[in-house]
C-alpha cells in the first residue's frame, strides 16, 4: 500500500512514467517499493447515450499520512500524468483504516 488506480490514461504512456513516479513517491512516503502498486483501470465512459473519452483520474488508496504528505503526493502524481500529455488530472485519496485492512487474515 499505497495503490494507484489510473483511469482514462493510456497504458503505454503510463509505463513510461511508472518507475520515476514510484521512485518519487517512495522517497516522499518512506515505505518499501514493493508496497506500491499501479493498476490501469480499463473503463468505458458514457454520456447522453454515447461512449465518450473519460477524464483522467488517479485514485490513491493508502493509510493516511497527513495533509502535507498528501499534498506533496498529489503534486508528484499530477506532474507525471501531465508529463505524458494530459493537461488535467483529478487525484483522489481514499484513506484506509488499519483495523479494516487485512493481509493474510491479519489486520494492521
PDB file of N, CA and C in Angstrom:
ATOM      1  N   UNK A   1       0.867  -1.146   0.000  1.00  0.00           N
ATOM      2  CA  UNK A   1       0.000   0.000   0.000  1.00  0.00           C
ATOM      3  C   UNK A   1       0.917   1.212   0.000  1.00  0.00           C
ATOM      4  N   UNK A   2       0.798   2.151  -0.795  1.00  0.00           N
ATOM      5  CA  UNK A   2      -0.378   2.655  -1.495  1.00  0.00           C
ATOM      6  C   UNK A   2      -0.618   1.989  -2.860  1.00  0.00           C
ATOM      7  N   UNK A   3      -1.874   2.019  -3.246  1.00  0.00           N
ATOM      8  CA  UNK A   3      -2.293   1.518  -4.549  1.00  0.00           C
ATOM      9  C   UNK A   3      -2.797   2.695  -5.374  1.00  0.00           C
ATOM     10  N   UNK A   4      -2.269   2.822  -6.592  1.00  0.00           N
ATOM     11  CA  UNK A   4      -2.706   3.871  -7.512  1.00  0.00           C
ATOM     12  C   UNK A   4      -3.522   3.221  -8.607  1.00  0.00           C
ATOM     13  N   UNK A   5      -4.710   3.732  -8.843  1.00  0.00           N
ATOM     14  CA  UNK A   5      -5.589   3.238  -9.902  1.00  0.00           C
ATOM     15  C   UNK A   5      -5.749   4.340 -10.934  1.00  0.00           C
ATOM     16  N   UNK A   6      -5.240   4.093 -12.139  1.00  0.00           N
ATOM     17  CA  UNK A   6      -5.256   5.084 -13.210  1.00  0.00           C
ATOM     18  C   UNK A   6      -6.454   4.848 -14.112  1.00  0.00           C
ATOM     19  N   UNK A   7      -7.212   5.907 -14.371  1.00  0.00           N
ATOM     20  CA  UNK A   7      -8.402   5.813 -15.217  1.00  0.00           C
ATOM     21  C   UNK A   7      -8.291   6.799 -16.371  1.00  0.00           C
ATOM     22  N   UNK A   8      -8.693   6.355 -17.552  1.00  0.00           N
ATOM     23  CA  UNK A   8      -8.693   7.154 -18.780  1.00  0.00           C
ATOM     24  C   UNK A   8      -7.281   7.626 -19.135  1.00  0.00           C
ATOM     25  N   UNK A   9      -6.304   6.770 -18.845  1.00  0.00           N
ATOM     26  CA  UNK A   9      -4.897   7.053 -19.129  1.00  0.00           C
ATOM     27  C   UNK A   9      -4.360   5.897 -19.969  1.00  0.00           C
ATOM     28  N   UNK A  10      -3.690   6.226 -21.067  1.00  0.00           N
ATOM     29  CA  UNK A  10      -3.132   5.232 -21.970  1.00  0.00           C
ATOM     30  C   UNK A  10      -2.072   4.394 -21.251  1.00  0.00           C
ATOM     31  N   UNK A  11      -2.202   3.086 -21.358  1.00  0.00           N
ATOM     32  CA  UNK A  11      -1.295   2.179 -20.672  1.00  0.00           C
ATOM     33  C   UNK A  11       0.154   2.324 -21.106  1.00  0.00           C
ATOM     34  N   UNK A  12       0.404   2.485 -22.387  1.00  0.00           N
ATOM     35  CA  UNK A  12       1.779   2.629 -22.876  1.00  0.00           C
ATOM     36  C   UNK A  12       2.410   3.911 -22.347  1.00  0.00           C
ATOM     37  N   UNK A  13       1.627   4.963 -22.264  1.00  0.00           N
ATOM     38  CA  UNK A  13       2.133   6.216 -21.701  1.00  0.00           C
ATOM     39  C   UNK A  13       2.404   6.046 -20.204  1.00  0.00           C
ATOM     40  N   UNK A  14       1.516   5.346 -19.518  1.00  0.00           N
ATOM     41  CA  UNK A  14       1.685   5.124 -18.080  1.00  0.00           C
ATOM     42  C   UNK A  14       2.958   4.338 -17.792  1.00  0.00           C
ATOM     43  N   UNK A  15       3.292   3.386 -18.648  1.00  0.00           N
ATOM     44  CA  UNK A  15       4.518   2.614 -18.460  1.00  0.00           C
ATOM     45  C   UNK A  15       5.749   3.511 -18.446  1.00  0.00           C
ATOM     46  N   UNK A  16       5.742   4.559 -19.257  1.00  0.00           N
ATOM     47  CA  UNK A  16       6.927   5.411 -19.377  1.00  0.00           C
ATOM     48  C   UNK A  16       7.209   6.224 -18.120  1.00  0.00           C
ATOM     49  N   UNK A  17       6.210   6.428 -17.280  1.00  0.00           N
ATOM     50  CA  UNK A  17       6.392   7.223 -16.060  1.00  0.00           C
ATOM     51  C   UNK A  17       6.378   6.377 -14.796  1.00  0.00           C
ATOM     52  N   UNK A  18       6.068   5.106 -14.917  1.00  0.00           N
ATOM     53  CA  UNK A  18       5.805   4.283 -13.736  1.00  0.00           C
ATOM     54  C   UNK A  18       7.000   4.183 -12.787  1.00  0.00           C
ATOM     55  N   UNK A  19       8.193   4.009 -13.299  1.00  0.00           N
ATOM     56  CA  UNK A  19       9.357   3.865 -12.418  1.00  0.00           C
ATOM     57  C   UNK A  19       9.667   5.156 -11.678  1.00  0.00           C
ATOM     58  N   UNK A  20       9.763   6.251 -12.409  1.00  0.00           N
ATOM     59  CA  UNK A  20      10.107   7.520 -11.762  1.00  0.00           C
ATOM     60  C   UNK A  20       8.999   7.975 -10.811  1.00  0.00           C
ATOM     61  N   UNK A  21       7.747   7.726 -11.171  1.00  0.00           N
ATOM     62  CA  UNK A  21       6.628   8.079 -10.292  1.00  0.00           C
ATOM     63  C   UNK A  21       6.771   7.372  -8.949  1.00  0.00           C
ATOM     64  N   UNK A  22       7.012   6.063  -8.978  1.00  0.00           N
ATOM     65  CA  UNK A  22       7.154   5.319  -7.727  1.00  0.00           C
ATOM     66  C   UNK A  22       8.442   5.715  -7.014  1.00  0.00           C
ATOM     67  N   UNK A  23       9.512   5.998  -7.759  1.00  0.00           N
ATOM     68  CA  UNK A  23      10.748   6.482  -7.130  1.00  0.00           C
ATOM     69  C   UNK A  23      10.469   7.698  -6.254  1.00  0.00           C
ATOM     70  N   UNK A  24       9.748   8.663  -6.811  1.00  0.00           N
ATOM     71  CA  UNK A  24       9.474   9.907  -6.078  1.00  0.00           C
ATOM     72  C   UNK A  24       8.510   9.695  -4.928  1.00  0.00           C
ATOM     73  N   UNK A  25       7.483   8.885  -5.141  1.00  0.00           N
ATOM     74  CA  UNK A  25       6.535   8.620  -4.061  1.00  0.00           C
ATOM     75  C   UNK A  25       7.197   7.825  -2.934  1.00  0.00           C
ATOM     76  N   UNK A  26       8.065   6.896  -3.297  1.00  0.00           N
ATOM     77  CA  UNK A  26       8.775   6.117  -2.280  1.00  0.00           C
ATOM     78  C   UNK A  26       9.652   7.029  -1.430  1.00  0.00           C
ATOM     79  N   UNK A  27      10.329   7.962  -2.064  1.00  0.00           N
ATOM     80  CA  UNK A  27      11.172   8.917  -1.332  1.00  0.00           C
ATOM     81  C   UNK A  27      10.330   9.757  -0.374  1.00  0.00           C
ATOM     82  N   UNK A  28       9.174  10.202  -0.836  1.00  0.00           N
ATOM     83  CA  UNK A  28       8.284  11.032  -0.022  1.00  0.00           C
ATOM     84  C   UNK A  28       7.689  10.252   1.145  1.00  0.00           C
ATOM     85  N   UNK A  29       7.160   9.085   0.852  1.00  0.00           N
ATOM     86  CA  UNK A  29       6.390   8.330   1.839  1.00  0.00           C
ATOM     87  C   UNK A  29       7.280   7.491   2.757  1.00  0.00           C
ATOM     88  N   UNK A  30       8.447   7.137   2.271  1.00  0.00           N
ATOM     89  CA  UNK A  30       9.390   6.345   3.057  1.00  0.00           C
ATOM     90  C   UNK A  30       8.831   4.967   3.415  1.00  0.00           C
ATOM     91  N   UNK A  31       8.335   4.275   2.398  1.00  0.00           N
ATOM     92  CA  UNK A  31       7.914   2.899   2.609  1.00  0.00           C
ATOM     93  C   UNK A  31       8.550   2.036   1.515  1.00  0.00           C
ATOM     94  N   UNK A  32       8.647   0.737   1.741  1.00  0.00           N
ATOM     95  CA  UNK A  32       9.302  -0.134   0.764  1.00  0.00           C
ATOM     96  C   UNK A  32       8.637  -0.069  -0.609  1.00  0.00           C
ATOM     97  N   UNK A  33       9.465  -0.178  -1.637  1.00  0.00           N
ATOM     98  CA  UNK A  33       8.994  -0.093  -3.023  1.00  0.00           C
ATOM     99  C   UNK A  33       7.918  -1.137  -3.327  1.00  0.00           C
ATOM    100  N   UNK A  34       8.081  -2.337  -2.776  1.00  0.00           N
ATOM    101  CA  UNK A  34       7.123  -3.393  -3.099  1.00  0.00           C
ATOM    102  C   UNK A  34       5.763  -3.212  -2.418  1.00  0.00           C
ATOM    103  N   UNK A  35       5.610  -2.164  -1.624  1.00  0.00           N
ATOM    104  CA  UNK A  35       4.295  -1.840  -1.066  1.00  0.00           C
ATOM    105  C   UNK A  35       3.412  -1.138  -2.093  1.00  0.00           C
ATOM    106  N   UNK A  36       4.007  -0.560  -3.122  1.00  0.00           N
ATOM    107  CA  UNK A  36       3.265   0.208  -4.119  1.00  0.00           C
ATOM    108  C   UNK A  36       2.699  -0.699  -5.200  1.00  0.00           C
ATOM    109  N   UNK A  37       1.552  -0.302  -5.728  1.00  0.00           N
ATOM    110  CA  UNK A  37       1.017  -0.943  -6.930  1.00  0.00           C
ATOM    111  C   UNK A  37       0.373   0.129  -7.807  1.00  0.00           C
ATOM    112  N   UNK A  38       0.461  -0.120  -9.097  1.00  0.00           N
ATOM    113  CA  UNK A  38      -0.214   0.743 -10.077  1.00  0.00           C
ATOM    114  C   UNK A  38      -1.138  -0.153 -10.877  1.00  0.00           C
ATOM    115  N   UNK A  39      -2.387   0.219 -10.913  1.00  0.00           N
ATOM    116  CA  UNK A  39      -3.384  -0.543 -11.666  1.00  0.00           C
ATOM    117  C   UNK A  39      -3.932   0.364 -12.763  1.00  0.00           C
ATOM    118  N   UNK A  40      -3.965  -0.159 -13.971  1.00  0.00           N
ATOM    119  CA  UNK A  40      -4.561   0.562 -15.084  1.00  0.00           C
ATOM    120  C   UNK A  40      -6.001   0.076 -15.224  1.00  0.00           C
ATOM    121  N   UNK A  41      -6.946   0.945 -14.930  1.00  0.00           N
ATOM    122  CA  UNK A  41      -8.360   0.583 -14.959  1.00  0.00           C
ATOM    123  C   UNK A  41      -8.908   0.880 -16.356  1.00  0.00           C
ATOM    124  N   UNK A  42      -9.389  -0.162 -17.002  1.00  0.00           N
ATOM    125  CA  UNK A  42      -9.958  -0.021 -18.344  1.00  0.00           C
ATOM    126  C   UNK A  42     -11.467   0.191 -18.203  1.00  0.00           C
ATOM    127  N   UNK A  43     -11.880   1.433 -18.307  1.00  0.00           N
ATOM    128  CA  UNK A  43     -13.285   1.779 -18.127  1.00  0.00           C
ATOM    129  C   UNK A  43     -13.866   2.339 -19.410  1.00  0.00           C
ATOM    130  N   UNK A  44     -15.161   2.252 -19.520  1.00  0.00           N
ATOM    131  CA  UNK A  44     -15.882   2.913 -20.604  1.00  0.00           C
ATOM    132  C   UNK A  44     -16.749   3.983 -19.964  1.00  0.00           C
ATOM    133  N   UNK A  45     -16.689   5.167 -20.524  1.00  0.00           N
ATOM    134  CA  UNK A  45     -17.450   6.293 -20.003  1.00  0.00           C
ATOM    135  C   UNK A  45     -18.612   6.580 -20.941  1.00  0.00           C
ATOM    136  N   UNK A  46     -19.751   6.910 -20.357  1.00  0.00           N
ATOM    137  CA  UNK A  46     -20.980   7.133 -21.128  1.00  0.00           C
ATOM    138  C   UNK A  46     -21.539   8.503 -20.794  1.00  0.00           C
ATOM    139  N   UNK A  47     -21.960   9.206 -21.843  1.00  0.00           N
ATOM    140  CA  UNK A  47     -22.654  10.470 -21.654  1.00  0.00           C
ATOM    141  C   UNK A  47     -23.689  10.609 -22.764  1.00  0.00           C
ATOM    142  N   UNK A  48     -24.912  10.899 -22.373  1.00  0.00           N
ATOM    143  CA  UNK A  48     -26.002  11.113 -23.330  1.00  0.00           C
ATOM    144  C   UNK A  48     -26.148   9.967 -24.328  1.00  0.00           C
ATOM    145  N   UNK A  49     -26.058   8.752 -23.839  1.00  0.00           N
ATOM    146  CA  UNK A  49     -26.282   7.584 -24.679  1.00  0.00           C
ATOM    147  C   UNK A  49     -25.130   7.223 -25.598  1.00  0.00           C
ATOM    148  N   UNK A  50     -23.951   7.809 -25.378  1.00  0.00           N
ATOM    149  CA  UNK A  50     -22.794   7.517 -26.229  1.00  0.00           C
ATOM    150  C   UNK A  50     -21.576   7.238 -25.361  1.00  0.00           C
ATOM    151  N   UNK A  51     -20.683   6.416 -25.898  1.00  0.00           N
ATOM    152  CA  UNK A  51     -19.397   6.226 -25.244  1.00  0.00           C
ATOM    153  C   UNK A  51     -18.541   7.452 -25.523  1.00  0.00           C
ATOM    154  N   UNK A  52     -17.906   7.970 -24.492  1.00  0.00           N
ATOM    155  CA  UNK A  52     -17.068   9.168 -24.620  1.00  0.00           C
ATOM    156  C   UNK A  52     -15.735   8.920 -23.912  1.00  0.00           C
ATOM    157  N   UNK A  53     -14.767   9.752 -24.231  1.00  0.00           N
ATOM    158  CA  UNK A  53     -13.494   9.699 -23.520  1.00  0.00           C
ATOM    159  C   UNK A  53     -13.704  10.219 -22.107  1.00  0.00           C
ATOM    160  N   UNK A  54     -13.114   9.578 -21.163  1.00  0.00           N
ATOM    161  CA  UNK A  54     -13.284   9.992 -19.771  1.00  0.00           C
ATOM    162  C   UNK A  54     -12.224  10.976 -19.344  1.00  0.00           C
ATOM    163  N   UNK A  55     -12.456  11.573 -18.215  1.00  0.00           N
ATOM    164  CA  UNK A  55     -11.480  12.474 -17.614  1.00  0.00           C
ATOM    165  C   UNK A  55     -10.408  11.644 -16.922  1.00  0.00           C
ATOM    166  N   UNK A  56      -9.171  12.101 -17.023  1.00  0.00           N
ATOM    167  CA  UNK A  56      -8.079  11.389 -16.394  1.00  0.00           C
ATOM    168  C   UNK A  56      -8.204  11.508 -14.874  1.00  0.00           C
ATOM    169  N   UNK A  57      -8.017  10.357 -14.224  1.00  0.00           N
ATOM    170  CA  UNK A  57      -8.196  10.312 -12.781  1.00  0.00           C
ATOM    171  C   UNK A  57      -7.233   9.292 -12.187  1.00  0.00           C
ATOM    172  N   UNK A  58      -6.712   9.615 -11.008  1.00  0.00           N
ATOM    173  CA  UNK A  58      -5.900   8.664 -10.262  1.00  0.00           C
ATOM    174  C   UNK A  58      -6.509   8.553  -8.868  1.00  0.00           C
ATOM    175  N   UNK A  59      -6.971   7.355  -8.541  1.00  0.00           N
ATOM    176  CA  UNK A  59      -7.441   7.068  -7.193  1.00  0.00           C
ATOM    177  C   UNK A  59      -6.258   6.504  -6.416  1.00  0.00           C
ATOM    178  N   UNK A  60      -6.030   7.031  -5.227  1.00  0.00           N
ATOM    179  CA  UNK A  60      -4.933   6.577  -4.385  1.00  0.00           C
ATOM    180  C   UNK A  60      -5.538   5.980  -3.113  1.00  0.00           C
ATOM    181  N   UNK A  61      -5.311   4.687  -2.921  1.00  0.00           N
ATOM    182  CA  UNK A  61      -5.759   4.021  -1.696  1.00  0.00           C
ATOM    183  C   UNK A  61      -4.532   3.857  -0.814  1.00  0.00           C
ATOM    184  N   UNK A  62      -4.614   4.398   0.408  1.00  0.00           N
ATOM    185  CA  UNK A  62      -3.453   4.349   1.303  1.00  0.00           C
ATOM    186  C   UNK A  62      -3.862   4.605   2.731  1.00  0.00           C
ATOM    187  N   UNK A  63      -2.906   4.388   3.631  1.00  0.00           N
ATOM    188  CA  UNK A  63      -3.094   4.775   5.016  1.00  0.00           C
ATOM    189  C   UNK A  63      -2.758   6.258   5.118  1.00  0.00           C
ATOM    190  N   UNK A  64      -3.598   7.012   5.791  1.00  0.00           N
ATOM    191  CA  UNK A  64      -3.436   8.468   5.892  1.00  0.00           C
ATOM    192  C   UNK A  64      -2.048   8.833   6.408  1.00  0.00           C
ATOM    193  N   UNK A  65      -1.428   9.779   5.733  1.00  0.00           N
ATOM    194  CA  UNK A  65      -0.090  10.233   6.103  1.00  0.00           C
ATOM    195  C   UNK A  65      -0.059  11.729   6.400  1.00  0.00           C
ATOM    196  N   UNK A  66      -1.233  12.304   6.601  1.00  0.00           N
ATOM    197  CA  UNK A  66      -1.321  13.731   6.901  1.00  0.00           C
ATOM    198  C   UNK A  66      -1.443  14.575   5.651  1.00  0.00           C
ATOM    199  N   UNK A  67      -1.954  15.796   5.857  1.00  0.00           N
ATOM    200  CA  UNK A  67      -2.253  16.683   4.738  1.00  0.00           C
ATOM    201  C   UNK A  67      -1.006  17.092   3.951  1.00  0.00           C
ATOM    202  N   UNK A  68       0.091  17.363   4.641  1.00  0.00           N
ATOM    203  CA  UNK A  68       1.300  17.814   3.956  1.00  0.00           C
ATOM    204  C   UNK A  68       1.823  16.751   2.991  1.00  0.00           C
ATOM    205  N   UNK A  69       1.932  15.511   3.438  1.00  0.00           N
ATOM    206  CA  UNK A  69       2.409  14.418   2.580  1.00  0.00           C
ATOM    207  C   UNK A  69       1.404  14.169   1.457  1.00  0.00           C
ATOM    208  N   UNK A  70       0.125  14.226   1.767  1.00  0.00           N
ATOM    209  CA  UNK A  70      -0.901  14.030   0.746  1.00  0.00           C
ATOM    210  C   UNK A  70      -0.792  15.098  -0.334  1.00  0.00           C
ATOM    211  N   UNK A  71      -0.634  16.351   0.057  1.00  0.00           N
ATOM    212  CA  UNK A  71      -0.489  17.444  -0.916  1.00  0.00           C
ATOM    213  C   UNK A  71       0.726  17.224  -1.811  1.00  0.00           C
ATOM    214  N   UNK A  72       1.832  16.813  -1.209  1.00  0.00           N
ATOM    215  CA  UNK A  72       3.057  16.575  -1.988  1.00  0.00           C
ATOM    216  C   UNK A  72       2.884  15.385  -2.925  1.00  0.00           C
ATOM    217  N   UNK A  73       2.221  14.338  -2.463  1.00  0.00           N
ATOM    218  CA  UNK A  73       1.970  13.172  -3.314  1.00  0.00           C
ATOM    219  C   UNK A  73       1.086  13.553  -4.497  1.00  0.00           C
ATOM    220  N   UNK A  74       0.067  14.372  -4.259  1.00  0.00           N
ATOM    221  CA  UNK A  74      -0.818  14.810  -5.343  1.00  0.00           C
ATOM    222  C   UNK A  74      -0.031  15.589  -6.393  1.00  0.00           C
ATOM    223  N   UNK A  75       0.892  16.421  -5.966  1.00  0.00           N
ATOM    224  CA  UNK A  75       1.707  17.197  -6.910  1.00  0.00           C
ATOM    225  C   UNK A  75       2.629  16.284  -7.726  1.00  0.00           C
ATOM    226  N   UNK A  76       3.210  15.287  -7.086  1.00  0.00           N
ATOM    227  CA  UNK A  76       4.069  14.337  -7.797  1.00  0.00           C
ATOM    228  C   UNK A  76       3.258  13.592  -8.852  1.00  0.00           C
ATOM    229  N   UNK A  77       2.118  13.069  -8.459  1.00  0.00           N
ATOM    230  CA  UNK A  77       1.274  12.312  -9.387  1.00  0.00           C
ATOM    231  C   UNK A  77       0.831  13.208 -10.546  1.00  0.00           C
ATOM    232  N   UNK A  78       0.367  14.395 -10.241  1.00  0.00           N
ATOM    233  CA  UNK A  78      -0.093  15.323 -11.277  1.00  0.00           C
ATOM    234  C   UNK A  78       1.028  15.657 -12.250  1.00  0.00           C
ATOM    235  N   UNK A  79       2.211  15.927 -11.728  1.00  0.00           N
ATOM    236  CA  UNK A  79       3.369  16.257 -12.575  1.00  0.00           C
ATOM    237  C   UNK A  79       3.637  15.146 -13.585  1.00  0.00           C
ATOM    238  N   UNK A  80       3.602  13.908 -13.131  1.00  0.00           N
ATOM    239  CA  UNK A  80       3.904  12.789 -14.020  1.00  0.00           C
ATOM    240  C   UNK A  80       2.796  12.542 -15.037  1.00  0.00           C
ATOM    241  N   UNK A  81       1.553  12.676 -14.632  1.00  0.00           N
ATOM    242  CA  UNK A  81       0.451  12.497 -15.593  1.00  0.00           C
ATOM    243  C   UNK A  81       0.485  13.629 -16.622  1.00  0.00           C
ATOM    244  N   UNK A  82       0.750  14.851 -16.183  1.00  0.00           N
ATOM    245  CA  UNK A  82       0.890  15.980 -17.113  1.00  0.00           C
ATOM    246  C   UNK A  82       2.017  15.718 -18.108  1.00  0.00           C
ATOM    247  N   UNK A  83       3.116  15.106 -17.644  1.00  0.00           N
ATOM    248  CA  UNK A  83       4.295  14.908 -18.494  1.00  0.00           C
ATOM    249  C   UNK A  83       4.051  13.953 -19.660  1.00  0.00           C
ATOM    250  N   UNK A  84       2.983  13.162 -19.597  1.00  0.00           N
ATOM    251  CA  UNK A  84       2.681  12.243 -20.707  1.00  0.00           C
ATOM    252  C   UNK A  84       1.533  12.763 -21.575  1.00  0.00           C
ATOM    253  N   UNK A  85       1.280  14.059 -21.447  1.00  0.00           N
ATOM    254  CA  UNK A  85       0.363  14.699 -22.384  1.00  0.00           C
ATOM    255  C   UNK A  85      -1.038  14.988 -21.901  1.00  0.00           C
ATOM    256  N   UNK A  86      -1.322  14.727 -20.657  1.00  0.00           N
ATOM    257  CA  UNK A  86      -2.652  15.015 -20.129  1.00  0.00           C
ATOM    258  C   UNK A  86      -2.591  16.328 -19.354  1.00  0.00           C
ATOM    259  N   UNK A  87      -3.369  17.297 -19.791  1.00  0.00           N
ATOM    260  CA  UNK A  87      -3.315  18.641 -19.188  1.00  0.00           C
ATOM    261  C   UNK A  87      -4.035  18.710 -17.853  1.00  0.00           C
ATOM    262  N   UNK A  88      -4.969  17.809 -17.649  1.00  0.00           N
ATOM    263  CA  UNK A  88      -5.772  17.850 -16.435  1.00  0.00           C
ATOM    264  C   UNK A  88      -5.902  16.443 -15.872  1.00  0.00           C
ATOM    265  N   UNK A  89      -5.781  16.328 -14.572  1.00  0.00           N
ATOM    266  CA  UNK A  89      -5.962  15.041 -13.915  1.00  0.00           C
ATOM    267  C   UNK A  89      -6.524  15.284 -12.520  1.00  0.00           C
ATOM    268  N   UNK A  90      -7.481  14.472 -12.149  1.00  0.00           N
ATOM    269  CA  UNK A  90      -8.019  14.510 -10.789  1.00  0.00           C
ATOM    270  C   UNK A  90      -7.314  13.430  -9.982  1.00  0.00           C
ATOM    271  N   UNK A  91      -6.833  13.789  -8.801  1.00  0.00           N
ATOM    272  CA  UNK A  91      -6.204  12.831  -7.895  1.00  0.00           C
ATOM    273  C   UNK A  91      -7.085  12.769  -6.649  1.00  0.00           C
ATOM    274  N   UNK A  92      -7.557  11.571  -6.345  1.00  0.00           N
ATOM    275  CA  UNK A  92      -8.483  11.394  -5.230  1.00  0.00           C
ATOM    276  C   UNK A  92      -7.888  10.392  -4.252  1.00  0.00           C
ATOM    277  N   UNK A  93      -7.740  10.804  -3.003  1.00  0.00           N
ATOM    278  CA  UNK A  93      -7.173   9.948  -1.971  1.00  0.00           C
ATOM    279  C   UNK A  93      -8.287   9.274  -1.180  1.00  0.00           C
ATOM    280  N   UNK A  94      -8.128   7.987  -0.967  1.00  0.00           N
ATOM    281  CA  UNK A  94      -9.053   7.194  -0.166  1.00  0.00           C
ATOM    282  C   UNK A  94      -8.244   6.646   1.009  1.00  0.00           C
ATOM    283  N   UNK A  95      -8.527   7.123   2.189  1.00  0.00           N
ATOM    284  CA  UNK A  95      -7.791   6.687   3.371  1.00  0.00           C
ATOM    285  C   UNK A  95      -8.355   5.378   3.896  1.00  0.00           C
ATOM    286  N   UNK A  96      -7.467   4.436   4.102  1.00  0.00           N
ATOM    287  CA  UNK A  96      -7.849   3.137   4.632  1.00  0.00           C
ATOM    288  C   UNK A  96      -7.616   3.121   6.134  1.00  0.00           C
ATOM    289  N   UNK A  97      -8.440   2.376   6.833  1.00  0.00           N
ATOM    290  CA  UNK A  97      -8.269   2.221   8.275  1.00  0.00           C
ATOM    291  C   UNK A  97      -7.454   0.959   8.532  1.00  0.00           C
ATOM    292  N   UNK A  98      -6.448   1.071   9.367  1.00  0.00           N
ATOM    293  CA  UNK A  98      -5.586  -0.075   9.681  1.00  0.00           C
ATOM    294  C   UNK A  98      -6.396  -1.279  10.143  1.00  0.00           C
ATOM    295  N   UNK A  99      -7.399  -1.041  10.970  1.00  0.00           N
ATOM    296  CA  UNK A  99      -8.171  -2.154  11.530  1.00  0.00           C
ATOM    297  C   UNK A  99      -9.083  -2.822  10.509  1.00  0.00           C
ATOM    298  N   UNK A 100      -9.252  -2.200   9.341  1.00  0.00           N
ATOM    299  CA  UNK A 100     -10.118  -2.777   8.307  1.00  0.00           C
ATOM    300  C   UNK A 100      -9.328  -3.273   7.099  1.00  0.00           C
ATOM    301  N   UNK A 101      -8.003  -3.225   7.187  1.00  0.00           N
ATOM    302  CA  UNK A 101      -7.144  -3.708   6.116  1.00  0.00           C
ATOM    303  C   UNK A 101      -6.457  -4.978   6.602  1.00  0.00           C
ATOM    304  N   UNK A 102      -6.655  -6.058   5.876  1.00  0.00           N
ATOM    305  CA  UNK A 102      -6.126  -7.359   6.271  1.00  0.00           C
ATOM    306  C   UNK A 102      -5.141  -7.863   5.225  1.00  0.00           C
ATOM    307  N   UNK A 103      -4.065  -8.417   5.701  1.00  0.00           N
ATOM    308  CA  UNK A 103      -3.109  -9.096   4.844  1.00  0.00           C
ATOM    309  C   UNK A 103      -2.921 -10.492   5.417  1.00  0.00           C
ATOM    310  N   UNK A 104      -3.282 -11.485   4.626  1.00  0.00           N
ATOM    311  CA  UNK A 104      -3.204 -12.883   5.076  1.00  0.00           C
ATOM    312  C   UNK A 104      -3.984 -13.112   6.372  1.00  0.00           C
ATOM    313  N   UNK A 105      -5.152 -12.501   6.448  1.00  0.00           N
ATOM    314  CA  UNK A 105      -6.028 -12.708   7.583  1.00  0.00           C
ATOM    315  C   UNK A 105      -5.737 -11.891   8.821  1.00  0.00           C
ATOM    316  N   UNK A 106      -4.704 -11.060   8.772  1.00  0.00           N
ATOM    317  CA  UNK A 106      -4.327 -10.247   9.928  1.00  0.00           C
ATOM    318  C   UNK A 106      -4.444  -8.761   9.578  1.00  0.00           C
ATOM    319  N   UNK A 107      -5.055  -7.994  10.470  1.00  0.00           N
ATOM    320  CA  UNK A 107      -5.149  -6.547  10.203  1.00  0.00           C
ATOM    321  C   UNK A 107      -3.912  -5.855  10.754  1.00  0.00           C
ATOM    322  N   UNK A 108      -3.687  -4.672  10.252  1.00  0.00           N
ATOM    323  CA  UNK A 108      -2.505  -3.889  10.639  1.00  0.00           C
ATOM    324  C   UNK A 108      -2.709  -3.234  12.000  1.00  0.00           C
TER     325      UNK A 108
END
